[in-house]
PDB file of all heavy atoms in Angstrom:
ATOM      1  N   ALA A   1       7.674   3.777 -21.618  1.00  0.00           N
ATOM      2  CA  ALA A   1       6.509   3.373 -20.823  1.00  0.00           C
ATOM      3  C   ALA A   1       5.579   2.495 -21.652  1.00  0.00           C
ATOM      4  O   ALA A   1       5.080   1.476 -21.170  1.00  0.00           O
ATOM      5  CB  ALA A   1       5.777   4.608 -20.317  1.00  0.00           C
ATOM      6  N   MET A   2       5.357   2.863 -22.897  1.00  0.00           N
ATOM      7  CA  MET A   2       4.499   2.056 -23.771  1.00  0.00           C
ATOM      8  C   MET A   2       5.118   0.676 -24.003  1.00  0.00           C
ATOM      9  O   MET A   2       4.414  -0.328 -24.017  1.00  0.00           O
ATOM     10  CB  MET A   2       4.268   2.761 -25.105  1.00  0.00           C
ATOM     11  CG  MET A   2       3.391   4.000 -24.988  1.00  0.00           C
ATOM     12  SD  MET A   2       1.742   3.643 -24.360  1.00  0.00           S
ATOM     13  CE  MET A   2       1.084   2.672 -25.692  1.00  0.00           C
ATOM     14  N   GLY A   3       6.432   0.637 -24.158  1.00  0.00           N
ATOM     15  CA  GLY A   3       7.119  -0.625 -24.398  1.00  0.00           C
ATOM     16  C   GLY A   3       7.140  -1.537 -23.188  1.00  0.00           C
ATOM     17  O   GLY A   3       7.275  -2.752 -23.312  1.00  0.00           O
ATOM     18  N   SER A   4       7.004  -0.974 -22.001  1.00  0.00           N
ATOM     19  CA  SER A   4       7.084  -1.789 -20.790  1.00  0.00           C
ATOM     20  C   SER A   4       5.725  -2.287 -20.317  1.00  0.00           C
ATOM     21  O   SER A   4       5.646  -3.083 -19.381  1.00  0.00           O
ATOM     22  CB  SER A   4       7.770  -1.010 -19.671  1.00  0.00           C
ATOM     23  OG  SER A   4       6.926   0.006 -19.180  1.00  0.00           O
ATOM     24  N   THR A   5       4.640  -1.853 -20.945  1.00  0.00           N
ATOM     25  CA  THR A   5       3.318  -2.245 -20.455  1.00  0.00           C
ATOM     26  C   THR A   5       3.081  -3.747 -20.530  1.00  0.00           C
ATOM     27  O   THR A   5       2.341  -4.292 -19.719  1.00  0.00           O
ATOM     28  CB  THR A   5       2.188  -1.512 -21.214  1.00  0.00           C
ATOM     29  OG1 THR A   5       2.312  -1.791 -22.607  1.00  0.00           O
ATOM     30  CG2 THR A   5       2.233  -0.023 -20.960  1.00  0.00           C
ATOM     31  N   LEU A   6       3.724  -4.429 -21.467  1.00  0.00           N
ATOM     32  CA  LEU A   6       3.571  -5.875 -21.581  1.00  0.00           C
ATOM     33  C   LEU A   6       4.003  -6.585 -20.303  1.00  0.00           C
ATOM     34  O   LEU A   6       3.433  -7.591 -19.909  1.00  0.00           O
ATOM     35  CB  LEU A   6       4.364  -6.407 -22.779  1.00  0.00           C
ATOM     36  CG  LEU A   6       4.356  -7.907 -23.011  1.00  0.00           C
ATOM     37  CD1 LEU A   6       2.954  -8.387 -23.358  1.00  0.00           C
ATOM     38  CD2 LEU A   6       5.324  -8.265 -24.128  1.00  0.00           C
ATOM     39  N   ASN A   7       5.027  -6.043 -19.641  1.00  0.00           N
ATOM     40  CA  ASN A   7       5.591  -6.707 -18.469  1.00  0.00           C
ATOM     41  C   ASN A   7       5.348  -5.960 -17.163  1.00  0.00           C
ATOM     42  O   ASN A   7       5.939  -6.303 -16.150  1.00  0.00           O
ATOM     43  CB  ASN A   7       7.097  -6.910 -18.667  1.00  0.00           C
ATOM     44  CG  ASN A   7       7.366  -7.931 -19.734  1.00  0.00           C
ATOM     45  OD1 ASN A   7       6.779  -9.002 -19.722  1.00  0.00           O
ATOM     46  ND2 ASN A   7       8.208  -7.591 -20.681  1.00  0.00           N
ATOM     47  N   ALA A   8       4.531  -4.947 -17.171  1.00  0.00           N
ATOM     48  CA  ALA A   8       4.298  -4.156 -15.962  1.00  0.00           C
ATOM     49  C   ALA A   8       3.182  -4.775 -15.132  1.00  0.00           C
ATOM     50  O   ALA A   8       2.071  -4.274 -15.065  1.00  0.00           O
ATOM     51  CB  ALA A   8       3.980  -2.715 -16.337  1.00  0.00           C
ATOM     52  N   HIS A   9       3.497  -5.888 -14.493  1.00  0.00           N
ATOM     53  CA  HIS A   9       2.541  -6.587 -13.644  1.00  0.00           C
ATOM     54  C   HIS A   9       3.141  -6.696 -12.249  1.00  0.00           C
ATOM     55  O   HIS A   9       4.276  -7.114 -12.085  1.00  0.00           O
ATOM     56  CB  HIS A   9       2.248  -7.988 -14.187  1.00  0.00           C
ATOM     57  CG  HIS A   9       1.740  -7.971 -15.595  1.00  0.00           C
ATOM     58  ND1 HIS A   9       0.455  -7.646 -15.914  1.00  0.00           N
ATOM     59  CD2 HIS A   9       2.372  -8.222 -16.766  1.00  0.00           C
ATOM     60  CE1 HIS A   9       0.302  -7.708 -17.217  1.00  0.00           C
ATOM     61  NE2 HIS A   9       1.449  -8.050 -17.763  1.00  0.00           N
ATOM     62  N   TYR A  10       2.366  -6.316 -11.259  1.00  0.00           N
ATOM     63  CA  TYR A  10       2.854  -6.310  -9.896  1.00  0.00           C
ATOM     64  C   TYR A  10       2.014  -7.259  -9.050  1.00  0.00           C
ATOM     65  O   TYR A  10       0.802  -7.097  -8.958  1.00  0.00           O
ATOM     66  CB  TYR A  10       2.802  -4.888  -9.324  1.00  0.00           C
ATOM     67  CG  TYR A  10       3.619  -3.916 -10.139  1.00  0.00           C
ATOM     68  CD1 TYR A  10       3.038  -3.121 -11.115  1.00  0.00           C
ATOM     69  CD2 TYR A  10       4.988  -3.827  -9.946  1.00  0.00           C
ATOM     70  CE1 TYR A  10       3.797  -2.243 -11.874  1.00  0.00           C
ATOM     71  CE2 TYR A  10       5.757  -2.955 -10.690  1.00  0.00           C
ATOM     72  CZ  TYR A  10       5.154  -2.158 -11.653  1.00  0.00           C
ATOM     73  OH  TYR A  10       5.911  -1.309 -12.396  1.00  0.00           O
ATOM     74  N   PRO A  11       2.656  -8.248  -8.421  1.00  0.00           N
ATOM     75  CA  PRO A  11       1.879  -9.180  -7.588  1.00  0.00           C
ATOM     76  C   PRO A  11       1.320  -8.461  -6.363  1.00  0.00           C
ATOM     77  O   PRO A  11       1.924  -7.516  -5.860  1.00  0.00           O
ATOM     78  CB  PRO A  11       2.890 -10.251  -7.195  1.00  0.00           C
ATOM     79  CG  PRO A  11       4.221  -9.692  -7.484  1.00  0.00           C
ATOM     80  CD  PRO A  11       4.063  -8.580  -8.459  1.00  0.00           C
ATOM     81  N   PRO A  12       0.181  -8.925  -5.865  1.00  0.00           N
ATOM     82  CA  PRO A  12      -0.394  -8.300  -4.670  1.00  0.00           C
ATOM     83  C   PRO A  12       0.464  -8.584  -3.437  1.00  0.00           C
ATOM     84  O   PRO A  12       1.227  -9.566  -3.402  1.00  0.00           O
ATOM     85  CB  PRO A  12      -1.769  -8.961  -4.549  1.00  0.00           C
ATOM     86  CG  PRO A  12      -1.674 -10.228  -5.315  1.00  0.00           C
ATOM     87  CD  PRO A  12      -0.637 -10.015  -6.382  1.00  0.00           C
ATOM     88  N   PRO A  13       0.340  -7.741  -2.420  1.00  0.00           N
ATOM     89  CA  PRO A  13       1.130  -7.935  -1.191  1.00  0.00           C
ATOM     90  C   PRO A  13       0.983  -9.319  -0.581  1.00  0.00           C
ATOM     91  O   PRO A  13       1.953  -9.840  -0.013  1.00  0.00           O
ATOM     92  CB  PRO A  13       0.589  -6.847  -0.249  1.00  0.00           C
ATOM     93  CG  PRO A  13       0.107  -5.777  -1.171  1.00  0.00           C
ATOM     94  CD  PRO A  13      -0.447  -6.510  -2.371  1.00  0.00           C
ATOM     95  N   THR A  14      -0.177  -9.945  -0.682  1.00  0.00           N
ATOM     96  CA  THR A  14      -0.342 -11.275  -0.091  1.00  0.00           C
ATOM     97  C   THR A  14       0.602 -12.285  -0.739  1.00  0.00           C
ATOM     98  O   THR A  14       1.130 -13.166  -0.051  1.00  0.00           O
ATOM     99  CB  THR A  14      -1.798 -11.772  -0.222  1.00  0.00           C
ATOM    100  OG1 THR A  14      -2.203 -11.686  -1.583  1.00  0.00           O
ATOM    101  CG2 THR A  14      -2.739 -10.966   0.641  1.00  0.00           C
ATOM    102  N   VAL A  15       0.837 -12.165  -2.034  1.00  0.00           N
ATOM    103  CA  VAL A  15       1.763 -13.072  -2.732  1.00  0.00           C
ATOM    104  C   VAL A  15       3.195 -12.800  -2.278  1.00  0.00           C
ATOM    105  O   VAL A  15       3.958 -13.721  -1.967  1.00  0.00           O
ATOM    106  CB  VAL A  15       1.621 -12.933  -4.261  1.00  0.00           C
ATOM    107  CG1 VAL A  15       2.723 -13.688  -4.988  1.00  0.00           C
ATOM    108  CG2 VAL A  15       0.247 -13.409  -4.718  1.00  0.00           C
ATOM    109  N   ILE A  16       3.563 -11.545  -2.229  1.00  0.00           N
ATOM    110  CA  ILE A  16       4.927 -11.175  -1.825  1.00  0.00           C
ATOM    111  C   ILE A  16       5.201 -11.623  -0.394  1.00  0.00           C
ATOM    112  O   ILE A  16       6.250 -12.212  -0.094  1.00  0.00           O
ATOM    113  CB  ILE A  16       5.140  -9.659  -1.993  1.00  0.00           C
ATOM    114  CG1 ILE A  16       5.017  -9.275  -3.475  1.00  0.00           C
ATOM    115  CG2 ILE A  16       6.500  -9.238  -1.436  1.00  0.00           C
ATOM    116  CD1 ILE A  16       4.952  -7.775  -3.723  1.00  0.00           C
ATOM    117  N   LYS A  17       4.253 -11.374   0.504  1.00  0.00           N
ATOM    118  CA  LYS A  17       4.423 -11.789   1.905  1.00  0.00           C
ATOM    119  C   LYS A  17       4.534 -13.309   2.025  1.00  0.00           C
ATOM    120  O   LYS A  17       5.328 -13.822   2.828  1.00  0.00           O
ATOM    121  CB  LYS A  17       3.262 -11.262   2.754  1.00  0.00           C
ATOM    122  CG  LYS A  17       3.309  -9.759   2.952  1.00  0.00           C
ATOM    123  CD  LYS A  17       2.088  -9.268   3.718  1.00  0.00           C
ATOM    124  CE  LYS A  17       2.108  -7.763   3.856  1.00  0.00           C
ATOM    125  NZ  LYS A  17       0.899  -7.254   4.534  1.00  0.00           N
ATOM    126  N   ALA A  18       3.768 -14.028   1.228  1.00  0.00           N
ATOM    127  CA  ALA A  18       3.853 -15.495   1.245  1.00  0.00           C
ATOM    128  C   ALA A  18       5.229 -15.957   0.769  1.00  0.00           C
ATOM    129  O   ALA A  18       5.779 -16.932   1.303  1.00  0.00           O
ATOM    130  CB  ALA A  18       2.755 -16.102   0.378  1.00  0.00           C
ATOM    131  N   MET A  19       5.787 -15.269  -0.207  1.00  0.00           N
ATOM    132  CA  MET A  19       7.124 -15.639  -0.687  1.00  0.00           C
ATOM    133  C   MET A  19       8.171 -15.399   0.400  1.00  0.00           C
ATOM    134  O   MET A  19       9.058 -16.231   0.612  1.00  0.00           O
ATOM    135  CB  MET A  19       7.446 -14.880  -1.971  1.00  0.00           C
ATOM    136  CG  MET A  19       6.582 -15.329  -3.149  1.00  0.00           C
ATOM    137  SD  MET A  19       6.728 -14.295  -4.610  1.00  0.00           S
ATOM    138  CE  MET A  19       8.373 -14.746  -5.190  1.00  0.00           C
ATOM    139  N   TYR A  20       8.077 -14.283   1.098  1.00  0.00           N
ATOM    140  CA  TYR A  20       9.013 -14.033   2.205  1.00  0.00           C
ATOM    141  C   TYR A  20       8.803 -15.029   3.341  1.00  0.00           C
ATOM    142  O   TYR A  20       9.772 -15.462   3.976  1.00  0.00           O
ATOM    143  CB  TYR A  20       8.892 -12.595   2.716  1.00  0.00           C
ATOM    144  CG  TYR A  20       9.672 -11.611   1.873  1.00  0.00           C
ATOM    145  CD1 TYR A  20       9.035 -10.581   1.206  1.00  0.00           C
ATOM    146  CD2 TYR A  20      11.060 -11.713   1.746  1.00  0.00           C
ATOM    147  CE1 TYR A  20       9.748  -9.675   0.429  1.00  0.00           C
ATOM    148  CE2 TYR A  20      11.779 -10.819   0.974  1.00  0.00           C
ATOM    149  CZ  TYR A  20      11.115  -9.795   0.320  1.00  0.00           C
ATOM    150  OH  TYR A  20      11.834  -8.915  -0.447  1.00  0.00           O
ATOM    151  N   ASN A  21       7.567 -15.400   3.588  1.00  0.00           N
ATOM    152  CA  ASN A  21       7.287 -16.410   4.604  1.00  0.00           C
ATOM    153  C   ASN A  21       7.968 -17.731   4.228  1.00  0.00           C
ATOM    154  O   ASN A  21       8.538 -18.418   5.085  1.00  0.00           O
ATOM    155  CB  ASN A  21       5.774 -16.587   4.762  1.00  0.00           C
ATOM    156  CG  ASN A  21       5.416 -17.451   5.945  1.00  0.00           C
ATOM    157  OD1 ASN A  21       6.086 -17.413   6.977  1.00  0.00           O
ATOM    158  ND2 ASN A  21       4.350 -18.221   5.820  1.00  0.00           N
ATOM    159  N   ALA A  22       7.909 -18.070   2.942  1.00  0.00           N
ATOM    160  CA  ALA A  22       8.585 -19.290   2.479  1.00  0.00           C
ATOM    161  C   ALA A  22      10.098 -19.179   2.684  1.00  0.00           C
ATOM    162  O   ALA A  22      10.740 -20.149   3.114  1.00  0.00           O
ATOM    163  CB  ALA A  22       8.260 -19.546   1.013  1.00  0.00           C
ATOM    164  N   LEU A  23      10.663 -18.013   2.402  1.00  0.00           N
ATOM    165  CA  LEU A  23      12.104 -17.824   2.634  1.00  0.00           C
ATOM    166  C   LEU A  23      12.443 -18.020   4.107  1.00  0.00           C
ATOM    167  O   LEU A  23      13.440 -18.668   4.452  1.00  0.00           O
ATOM    168  CB  LEU A  23      12.553 -16.433   2.188  1.00  0.00           C
ATOM    169  CG  LEU A  23      12.575 -16.145   0.692  1.00  0.00           C
ATOM    170  CD1 LEU A  23      12.993 -14.699   0.441  1.00  0.00           C
ATOM    171  CD2 LEU A  23      13.500 -17.090  -0.042  1.00  0.00           C
ATOM    172  N   GLU A  24      11.623 -17.451   4.982  1.00  0.00           N
ATOM    173  CA  GLU A  24      11.844 -17.617   6.421  1.00  0.00           C
ATOM    174  C   GLU A  24      11.754 -19.087   6.820  1.00  0.00           C
ATOM    175  O   GLU A  24      12.581 -19.571   7.608  1.00  0.00           O
ATOM    176  CB  GLU A  24      10.829 -16.796   7.218  1.00  0.00           C
ATOM    177  CG  GLU A  24      11.081 -15.308   7.147  1.00  0.00           C
ATOM    178  CD  GLU A  24      10.043 -14.495   7.885  1.00  0.00           C
ATOM    179  OE1 GLU A  24       8.826 -14.734   7.672  1.00  0.00           O
ATOM    180  OE2 GLU A  24      10.452 -13.613   8.676  1.00  0.00           O
ATOM    181  N   ASN A  25      10.784 -19.804   6.250  1.00  0.00           N
ATOM    182  CA  ASN A  25      10.645 -21.234   6.545  1.00  0.00           C
ATOM    183  C   ASN A  25      11.843 -22.033   6.056  1.00  0.00           C
ATOM    184  O   ASN A  25      12.113 -23.119   6.583  1.00  0.00           O
ATOM    185  CB  ASN A  25       9.350 -21.781   5.937  1.00  0.00           C
ATOM    186  CG  ASN A  25       8.118 -21.285   6.654  1.00  0.00           C
ATOM    187  OD1 ASN A  25       8.180 -20.850   7.798  1.00  0.00           O
ATOM    188  ND2 ASN A  25       6.983 -21.325   5.965  1.00  0.00           N
ATOM    189  N   MET A  26      12.548 -21.524   5.057  1.00  0.00           N
ATOM    190  CA  MET A  26      13.760 -22.183   4.560  1.00  0.00           C
ATOM    191  C   MET A  26      14.996 -21.761   5.343  1.00  0.00           C
ATOM    192  O   MET A  26      16.104 -22.195   5.037  1.00  0.00           O
ATOM    193  CB  MET A  26      13.954 -21.868   3.076  1.00  0.00           C
ATOM    194  CG  MET A  26      12.967 -22.556   2.181  1.00  0.00           C
ATOM    195  SD  MET A  26      13.365 -22.223   0.448  1.00  0.00           S
ATOM    196  CE  MET A  26      11.879 -21.421  -0.077  1.00  0.00           C
ATOM    197  N   GLY A  27      14.819 -20.903   6.331  1.00  0.00           N
ATOM    198  CA  GLY A  27      15.930 -20.508   7.186  1.00  0.00           C
ATOM    199  C   GLY A  27      16.626 -19.227   6.777  1.00  0.00           C
ATOM    200  O   GLY A  27      17.632 -18.848   7.376  1.00  0.00           O
ATOM    201  N   PHE A  28      16.110 -18.525   5.784  1.00  0.00           N
ATOM    202  CA  PHE A  28      16.756 -17.273   5.369  1.00  0.00           C
ATOM    203  C   PHE A  28      16.366 -16.156   6.322  1.00  0.00           C
ATOM    204  O   PHE A  28      15.190 -15.891   6.541  1.00  0.00           O
ATOM    205  CB  PHE A  28      16.367 -16.897   3.936  1.00  0.00           C
ATOM    206  CG  PHE A  28      17.005 -15.613   3.482  1.00  0.00           C
ATOM    207  CD1 PHE A  28      18.346 -15.581   3.148  1.00  0.00           C
ATOM    208  CD2 PHE A  28      16.276 -14.438   3.426  1.00  0.00           C
ATOM    209  CE1 PHE A  28      18.957 -14.394   2.750  1.00  0.00           C
ATOM    210  CE2 PHE A  28      16.863 -13.256   3.027  1.00  0.00           C
ATOM    211  CZ  PHE A  28      18.205 -13.227   2.691  1.00  0.00           C
ATOM    212  N   ALA A  29      17.385 -15.481   6.892  1.00  0.00           N
ATOM    213  CA  ALA A  29      17.141 -14.374   7.808  1.00  0.00           C
ATOM    214  C   ALA A  29      17.972 -13.149   7.474  1.00  0.00           C
ATOM    215  O   ALA A  29      17.614 -12.029   7.842  1.00  0.00           O
ATOM    216  CB  ALA A  29      17.426 -14.805   9.244  1.00  0.00           C
ATOM    217  N   LYS A  30      19.099 -13.350   6.789  1.00  0.00           N
ATOM    218  CA  LYS A  30      19.949 -12.209   6.438  1.00  0.00           C
ATOM    219  C   LYS A  30      20.789 -12.551   5.218  1.00  0.00           C
ATOM    220  O   LYS A  30      21.073 -13.723   4.941  1.00  0.00           O
ATOM    221  CB  LYS A  30      20.849 -11.805   7.607  1.00  0.00           C
ATOM    222  CG  LYS A  30      21.892 -12.835   7.990  1.00  0.00           C
ATOM    223  CD  LYS A  30      22.752 -12.328   9.123  1.00  0.00           C
ATOM    224  CE  LYS A  30      23.782 -13.394   9.484  1.00  0.00           C
ATOM    225  NZ  LYS A  30      24.706 -12.919  10.496  1.00  0.00           N
ATOM    226  N   GLY A  31      21.177 -11.508   4.496  1.00  0.00           N
ATOM    227  CA  GLY A  31      22.033 -11.707   3.333  1.00  0.00           C
ATOM    228  C   GLY A  31      21.742 -10.707   2.228  1.00  0.00           C
ATOM    229  O   GLY A  31      21.004  -9.739   2.402  1.00  0.00           O
ATOM    230  N   LYS A  32      22.328 -10.988   1.089  1.00  0.00           N
ATOM    231  CA  LYS A  32      22.203 -10.116  -0.083  1.00  0.00           C
ATOM    232  C   LYS A  32      21.075 -10.615  -0.977  1.00  0.00           C
ATOM    233  O   LYS A  32      21.049 -11.783  -1.349  1.00  0.00           O
ATOM    234  CB  LYS A  32      23.518 -10.078  -0.844  1.00  0.00           C
ATOM    235  CG  LYS A  32      24.649  -9.422  -0.060  1.00  0.00           C
ATOM    236  CD  LYS A  32      25.964  -9.473  -0.814  1.00  0.00           C
ATOM    237  CE  LYS A  32      25.892  -8.562  -2.017  1.00  0.00           C
ATOM    238  NZ  LYS A  32      27.169  -8.501  -2.749  1.00  0.00           N
ATOM    239  N   VAL A  33      20.166  -9.699  -1.300  1.00  0.00           N
ATOM    240  CA  VAL A  33      18.976 -10.035  -2.079  1.00  0.00           C
ATOM    241  C   VAL A  33      18.947  -9.199  -3.346  1.00  0.00           C
ATOM    242  O   VAL A  33      19.183  -7.991  -3.309  1.00  0.00           O
ATOM    243  CB  VAL A  33      17.698  -9.757  -1.251  1.00  0.00           C
ATOM    244  CG1 VAL A  33      16.445  -9.988  -2.085  1.00  0.00           C
ATOM    245  CG2 VAL A  33      17.675 -10.628   0.004  1.00  0.00           C
ATOM    246  N   ILE A  34      18.659  -9.845  -4.466  1.00  0.00           N
ATOM    247  CA  ILE A  34      18.486  -9.130  -5.730  1.00  0.00           C
ATOM    248  C   ILE A  34      17.077  -9.347  -6.260  1.00  0.00           C
ATOM    249  O   ILE A  34      16.536 -10.449  -6.161  1.00  0.00           O
ATOM    250  CB  ILE A  34      19.519  -9.545  -6.796  1.00  0.00           C
ATOM    251  CG1 ILE A  34      19.329  -8.683  -8.056  1.00  0.00           C
ATOM    252  CG2 ILE A  34      19.450 -11.034  -7.110  1.00  0.00           C
ATOM    253  CD1 ILE A  34      20.447  -8.772  -9.061  1.00  0.00           C
ATOM    254  N   GLU A  35      16.515  -8.267  -6.770  1.00  0.00           N
ATOM    255  CA  GLU A  35      15.272  -8.355  -7.524  1.00  0.00           C
ATOM    256  C   GLU A  35      15.604  -7.882  -8.934  1.00  0.00           C
ATOM    257  O   GLU A  35      15.806  -6.692  -9.171  1.00  0.00           O
ATOM    258  CB  GLU A  35      14.163  -7.504  -6.905  1.00  0.00           C
ATOM    259  CG  GLU A  35      12.851  -7.757  -7.614  1.00  0.00           C
ATOM    260  CD  GLU A  35      11.686  -6.947  -7.075  1.00  0.00           C
ATOM    261  OE1 GLU A  35      11.846  -6.219  -6.089  1.00  0.00           O
ATOM    262  OE2 GLU A  35      10.608  -7.062  -7.690  1.00  0.00           O
ATOM    263  N   PRO A  36      15.696  -8.814  -9.892  1.00  0.00           N
ATOM    264  CA  PRO A  36      16.209  -8.471 -11.221  1.00  0.00           C
ATOM    265  C   PRO A  36      15.245  -7.715 -12.133  1.00  0.00           C
ATOM    266  O   PRO A  36      15.632  -7.293 -13.209  1.00  0.00           O
ATOM    267  CB  PRO A  36      16.560  -9.827 -11.824  1.00  0.00           C
ATOM    268  CG  PRO A  36      15.720 -10.799 -11.108  1.00  0.00           C
ATOM    269  CD  PRO A  36      15.505 -10.247  -9.737  1.00  0.00           C
ATOM    270  N   SER A  37      14.026  -7.528 -11.718  1.00  0.00           N
ATOM    271  CA  SER A  37      13.037  -6.740 -12.468  1.00  0.00           C
ATOM    272  C   SER A  37      12.167  -6.063 -11.422  1.00  0.00           C
ATOM    273  O   SER A  37      11.012  -6.411 -11.223  1.00  0.00           O
ATOM    274  CB  SER A  37      12.218  -7.654 -13.386  1.00  0.00           C
ATOM    275  OG  SER A  37      11.297  -6.908 -14.127  1.00  0.00           O
TER     276      SER A  37
END
């Protein structure tokens, strides 16, 4: 836990929703999604 504090940053929901909105605008509606961190 101490070692991960440098990278433990979580974007607010407004940022995440905007990213999904961008995916929808690019035509993405279904498929396999990875979140690598």
